[in-house]
Structure formats: structure tokens, C-alpha cells
Amino acid sequence: QLQASGGGLVQAGGSLRLSCAASGRTFTIYHMGWFRQAPGKEREFVAAIDWSGSRTYYSDSVKGRFTISRDNAKNTVYLHMNSLKPEDTAVYYCAASETIAVVFTVEGYAYWGQGTQVTVSS
């Protein structure tokens, strides 16, 4: 089970930190990802991190502004979002993947959190 939190309303240029707490099976067997979905748009990949936390991956739209990290002792993955833009407004979802390699598609993630709303005002 995945529980995302930390969303909210922020002005452009501001920052937020999303958290995703996992419970149930051993956290370290999963690669973790963050996706987002804006109204009327498909869910899109934002960032991913491998099971150990040593490798991270980002979409071009957030690279340099967002940072994904994980604390395996706390079964939690984070998304630090800086320099937020109005186009970052979306529901953000954390997800867990059991694939051997890190993947970047919705279909590659078997477990999903409930989503947390991020709204960036201009």
C-alpha cells in the first residue's frame, strides 16, 4: 500500500516536498516512481529511483528542478520540487515497480498511491 502526501497550493517559483509512505511487502524490492496527471491529459512519468537509491531518472520537463530520493529505513520515497511552474499543476502519484530494470511507463508500475494535488499559481 502506498500513501502519498505533501501536495498543496504554491506560487510559481516556490517549492514543495511530496512523500510516499509504503507498507506491506519489503520496500527495497521495488523501484519507485512519481507520475502526474493534469486535467484532460494522460498520466505522465516525472521521476524514478532504483531500489537502492543509487540511480535516479527524470523527465526532461522537470530535470534540474525536481529531485527524487528514498529512505529505505523509513519505507518512504520523496519528490522535492523546486522552481515550480503553473504547468506543473497536476495530481501526483507515487508508484512501485517490480520490474528488473527501472521503467518509465505507467504499465511498468504495479502498485499506485491515491494521488496528491499540486497546484501552482502564476
C-alpha atoms as a PDB file:
ATOM      1  CA  GLN A   1       0.000   0.000   0.000  1.00  0.00           C
ATOM      2  CA  LEU A   2       1.261   3.476  -0.931  1.00  0.00           C
ATOM      3  CA  GLN A   3       0.180   6.702   0.746  1.00  0.00           C
ATOM      4  CA  ALA A   4       1.168   9.974  -0.912  1.00  0.00           C
ATOM      5  CA  SER A   5       1.115  13.316   0.866  1.00  0.00           C
ATOM      6  CA  GLY A   6       2.570  16.810   0.747  1.00  0.00           C
ATOM      7  CA  GLY A   7       0.658  18.394  -2.091  1.00  0.00           C
ATOM      8  CA  GLY A   8      -0.841  21.852  -1.877  1.00  0.00           C
ATOM      9  CA  LEU A   9      -1.113  25.308  -3.397  1.00  0.00           C
ATOM     10  CA  VAL A  10       2.103  27.205  -4.077  1.00  0.00           C
ATOM     11  CA  GLN A  11       3.092  30.247  -6.090  1.00  0.00           C
ATOM     12  CA  ALA A  12       5.233  29.944  -9.168  1.00  0.00           C
ATOM     13  CA  GLY A  13       8.880  29.689  -8.207  1.00  0.00           C
ATOM     14  CA  GLY A  14       8.060  28.022  -4.928  1.00  0.00           C
ATOM     15  CA  SER A  15       8.851  24.567  -3.605  1.00  0.00           C
ATOM     16  CA  LEU A  16       7.053  21.533  -2.262  1.00  0.00           C
ATOM     17  CA  ARG A  17       8.128  18.135  -0.991  1.00  0.00           C
ATOM     18  CA  LEU A  18       5.940  15.144  -1.689  1.00  0.00           C
ATOM     19  CA  SER A  19       6.224  11.997   0.394  1.00  0.00           C
ATOM     20  CA  CYS A  20       5.060   8.479  -0.309  1.00  0.00           C
ATOM     21  CA  ALA A  21       4.982   6.001   2.540  1.00  0.00           C
ATOM     22  CA  ALA A  22       4.876   2.299   1.712  1.00  0.00           C
ATOM     23  CA  SER A  23       3.550  -0.513   3.823  1.00  0.00           C
ATOM     24  CA  GLY A  24       3.211  -4.210   3.309  1.00  0.00           C
ATOM     25  CA  ARG A  25       5.896  -6.045   1.377  1.00  0.00           C
ATOM     26  CA  THR A  26       9.612  -5.353   1.626  1.00  0.00           C
ATOM     27  CA  PHE A  27      10.147  -1.833   0.308  1.00  0.00           C
ATOM     28  CA  THR A  28      13.593  -2.452  -1.107  1.00  0.00           C
ATOM     29  CA  ILE A  29      12.404  -4.898  -3.760  1.00  0.00           C
ATOM     30  CA  TYR A  30      10.705  -2.080  -5.605  1.00  0.00           C
ATOM     31  CA  HIS A  31      11.865   0.603  -7.926  1.00  0.00           C
ATOM     32  CA  MET A  32       9.767   3.681  -7.194  1.00  0.00           C
ATOM     33  CA  GLY A  33       8.365   6.334  -9.463  1.00  0.00           C
ATOM     34  CA  TRP A  34       6.391   9.540  -9.477  1.00  0.00           C
ATOM     35  CA  PHE A  35       3.871  10.304 -12.177  1.00  0.00           C
ATOM     36  CA  ARG A  36       1.460  13.180 -12.647  1.00  0.00           C
ATOM     37  CA  GLN A  37      -1.821  13.758 -14.407  1.00  0.00           C
ATOM     38  CA  ALA A  38      -3.200  17.144 -15.334  1.00  0.00           C
ATOM     39  CA  PRO A  39      -6.906  17.619 -16.183  1.00  0.00           C
ATOM     40  CA  GLY A  40      -7.679  16.287 -19.636  1.00  0.00           C
ATOM     41  CA  LYS A  41      -4.222  14.819 -20.086  1.00  0.00           C
ATOM     42  CA  GLU A  42      -2.716  11.377 -19.793  1.00  0.00           C
ATOM     43  CA  ARG A  43      -0.707  10.329 -16.782  1.00  0.00           C
ATOM     44  CA  GLU A  44       2.957  11.058 -17.436  1.00  0.00           C
ATOM     45  CA  PHE A  45       6.273   9.997 -15.989  1.00  0.00           C
ATOM     46  CA  VAL A  46       8.025  12.506 -13.738  1.00  0.00           C
ATOM     47  CA  ALA A  47      10.864  10.731 -11.917  1.00  0.00           C
ATOM     48  CA  ALA A  48      12.058   7.301 -10.844  1.00  0.00           C
ATOM     49  CA  ILE A  49      14.599   5.835  -8.466  1.00  0.00           C
ATOM     50  CA  ASP A  50      16.018   2.344  -8.321  1.00  0.00           C
ATOM     51  CA  TRP A  51      15.572   0.061  -5.320  1.00  0.00           C
ATOM     52  CA  SER A  52      18.877   1.075  -3.746  1.00  0.00           C
ATOM     53  CA  GLY A  53      18.515   4.797  -4.282  1.00  0.00           C
ATOM     54  CA  SER A  54      21.711   4.990  -6.292  1.00  0.00           C
ATOM     55  CA  ARG A  55      20.179   5.743  -9.680  1.00  0.00           C
ATOM     56  CA  THR A  56      17.618   8.408 -10.480  1.00  0.00           C
ATOM     57  CA  TYR A  57      15.814   9.341 -13.656  1.00  0.00           C
ATOM     58  CA  TYR A  58      13.794  12.394 -14.669  1.00  0.00           C
ATOM     59  CA  SER A  59      11.582  13.605 -17.462  1.00  0.00           C
ATOM     60  CA  ASP A  60      13.016  16.470 -19.461  1.00  0.00           C
ATOM     61  CA  SER A  61      10.310  18.792 -18.169  1.00  0.00           C
ATOM     62  CA  VAL A  62      11.429  18.506 -14.535  1.00  0.00           C
ATOM     63  CA  LYS A  63      15.141  17.753 -14.835  1.00  0.00           C
ATOM     64  CA  GLY A  64      17.159  20.224 -12.795  1.00  0.00           C
ATOM     65  CA  ARG A  65      14.147  21.311 -10.747  1.00  0.00           C
ATOM     66  CA  PHE A  66      12.883  18.121  -9.114  1.00  0.00           C
ATOM     67  CA  THR A  67      14.798  15.574  -7.048  1.00  0.00           C
ATOM     68  CA  ILE A  68      13.630  12.079  -6.190  1.00  0.00           C
ATOM     69  CA  SER A  69      15.055  10.295  -3.169  1.00  0.00           C
ATOM     70  CA  ARG A  70      14.185   7.430  -0.882  1.00  0.00           C
ATOM     71  CA  ASP A  71      14.782   6.381   2.684  1.00  0.00           C
ATOM     72  CA  ASN A  72      14.557   2.609   2.808  1.00  0.00           C
ATOM     73  CA  ALA A  73      14.735   2.597   6.601  1.00  0.00           C
ATOM     74  CA  LYS A  74      11.506   4.605   6.632  1.00  0.00           C
ATOM     75  CA  ASN A  75       9.910   2.894   3.609  1.00  0.00           C
ATOM     76  CA  THR A  76       9.419   6.311   2.078  1.00  0.00           C
ATOM     77  CA  VAL A  77      10.145   7.942  -1.259  1.00  0.00           C
ATOM     78  CA  TYR A  78      10.254  11.698  -1.722  1.00  0.00           C
ATOM     79  CA  LEU A  79       9.893  14.169  -4.550  1.00  0.00           C
ATOM     80  CA  HIS A  80      11.486  17.535  -3.870  1.00  0.00           C
ATOM     81  CA  MET A  81      10.063  20.090  -6.284  1.00  0.00           C
ATOM     82  CA  ASN A  82      11.757  23.455  -6.748  1.00  0.00           C
ATOM     83  CA  SER A  83      11.175  26.359  -9.134  1.00  0.00           C
ATOM     84  CA  LEU A  84       7.611  25.220  -9.642  1.00  0.00           C
ATOM     85  CA  LYS A  85       5.738  26.409 -12.697  1.00  0.00           C
ATOM     86  CA  PRO A  86       1.993  26.634 -13.404  1.00  0.00           C
ATOM     87  CA  GLU A  87       2.408  23.784 -15.898  1.00  0.00           C
ATOM     88  CA  ASP A  88       3.479  21.531 -13.005  1.00  0.00           C
ATOM     89  CA  THR A  89      -0.109  21.669 -11.733  1.00  0.00           C
ATOM     90  CA  ALA A  90      -1.437  18.112 -11.592  1.00  0.00           C
ATOM     91  CA  VAL A  91      -2.331  15.221  -9.346  1.00  0.00           C
ATOM     92  CA  TYR A  92       0.924  13.499  -8.442  1.00  0.00           C
ATOM     93  CA  TYR A  93       1.021   9.741  -7.934  1.00  0.00           C
ATOM     94  CA  CYS A  94       3.712   7.557  -6.465  1.00  0.00           C
ATOM     95  CA  ALA A  95       4.059   4.040  -7.781  1.00  0.00           C
ATOM     96  CA  ALA A  96       6.062   0.887  -7.188  1.00  0.00           C
ATOM     97  CA  SER A  97       7.547  -1.352  -9.850  1.00  0.00           C
ATOM     98  CA  GLU A  98       8.645  -4.971  -9.620  1.00  0.00           C
ATOM     99  CA  THR A  99      10.448  -4.917 -12.953  1.00  0.00           C
ATOM    100  CA  ILE A 100      14.102  -5.878 -13.096  1.00  0.00           C
ATOM    101  CA  ALA A 101      15.147  -2.574 -14.630  1.00  0.00           C
ATOM    102  CA  VAL A 102      13.736   0.855 -13.864  1.00  0.00           C
ATOM    103  CA  VAL A 103      10.944   1.714 -16.296  1.00  0.00           C
ATOM    104  CA  PHE A 104       9.207   4.930 -17.203  1.00  0.00           C
ATOM    105  CA  THR A 105       5.751   3.877 -18.335  1.00  0.00           C
ATOM    106  CA  VAL A 106       2.506   3.638 -16.401  1.00  0.00           C
ATOM    107  CA  GLU A 107       2.223  -0.010 -17.387  1.00  0.00           C
ATOM    108  CA  GLY A 108       5.513  -0.829 -15.696  1.00  0.00           C
ATOM    109  CA  TYR A 109       4.231   0.010 -12.231  1.00  0.00           C
ATOM    110  CA  ALA A 110       2.020  -2.485 -10.450  1.00  0.00           C
ATOM    111  CA  TYR A 111       1.156  -0.537  -7.319  1.00  0.00           C
ATOM    112  CA  TRP A 112      -0.147   3.014  -7.040  1.00  0.00           C
ATOM    113  CA  GLY A 113      -0.863   5.529  -4.340  1.00  0.00           C
ATOM    114  CA  GLN A 114      -4.018   7.600  -4.229  1.00  0.00           C
ATOM    115  CA  GLY A 115      -2.502  10.817  -5.592  1.00  0.00           C
ATOM    116  CA  THR A 116      -1.911  14.239  -4.100  1.00  0.00           C
ATOM    117  CA  GLN A 117      -2.900  17.532  -5.746  1.00  0.00           C
ATOM    118  CA  VAL A 118      -0.234  20.090  -6.578  1.00  0.00           C
ATOM    119  CA  THR A 119      -1.451  23.487  -7.752  1.00  0.00           C
ATOM    120  CA  VAL A 120       0.988  26.177  -8.857  1.00  0.00           C
ATOM    121  CA  SER A 121      -0.423  29.662  -9.246  1.00  0.00           C
ATOM    122  CA  SER A 122       1.081  32.248 -11.576  1.00  0.00           C
END
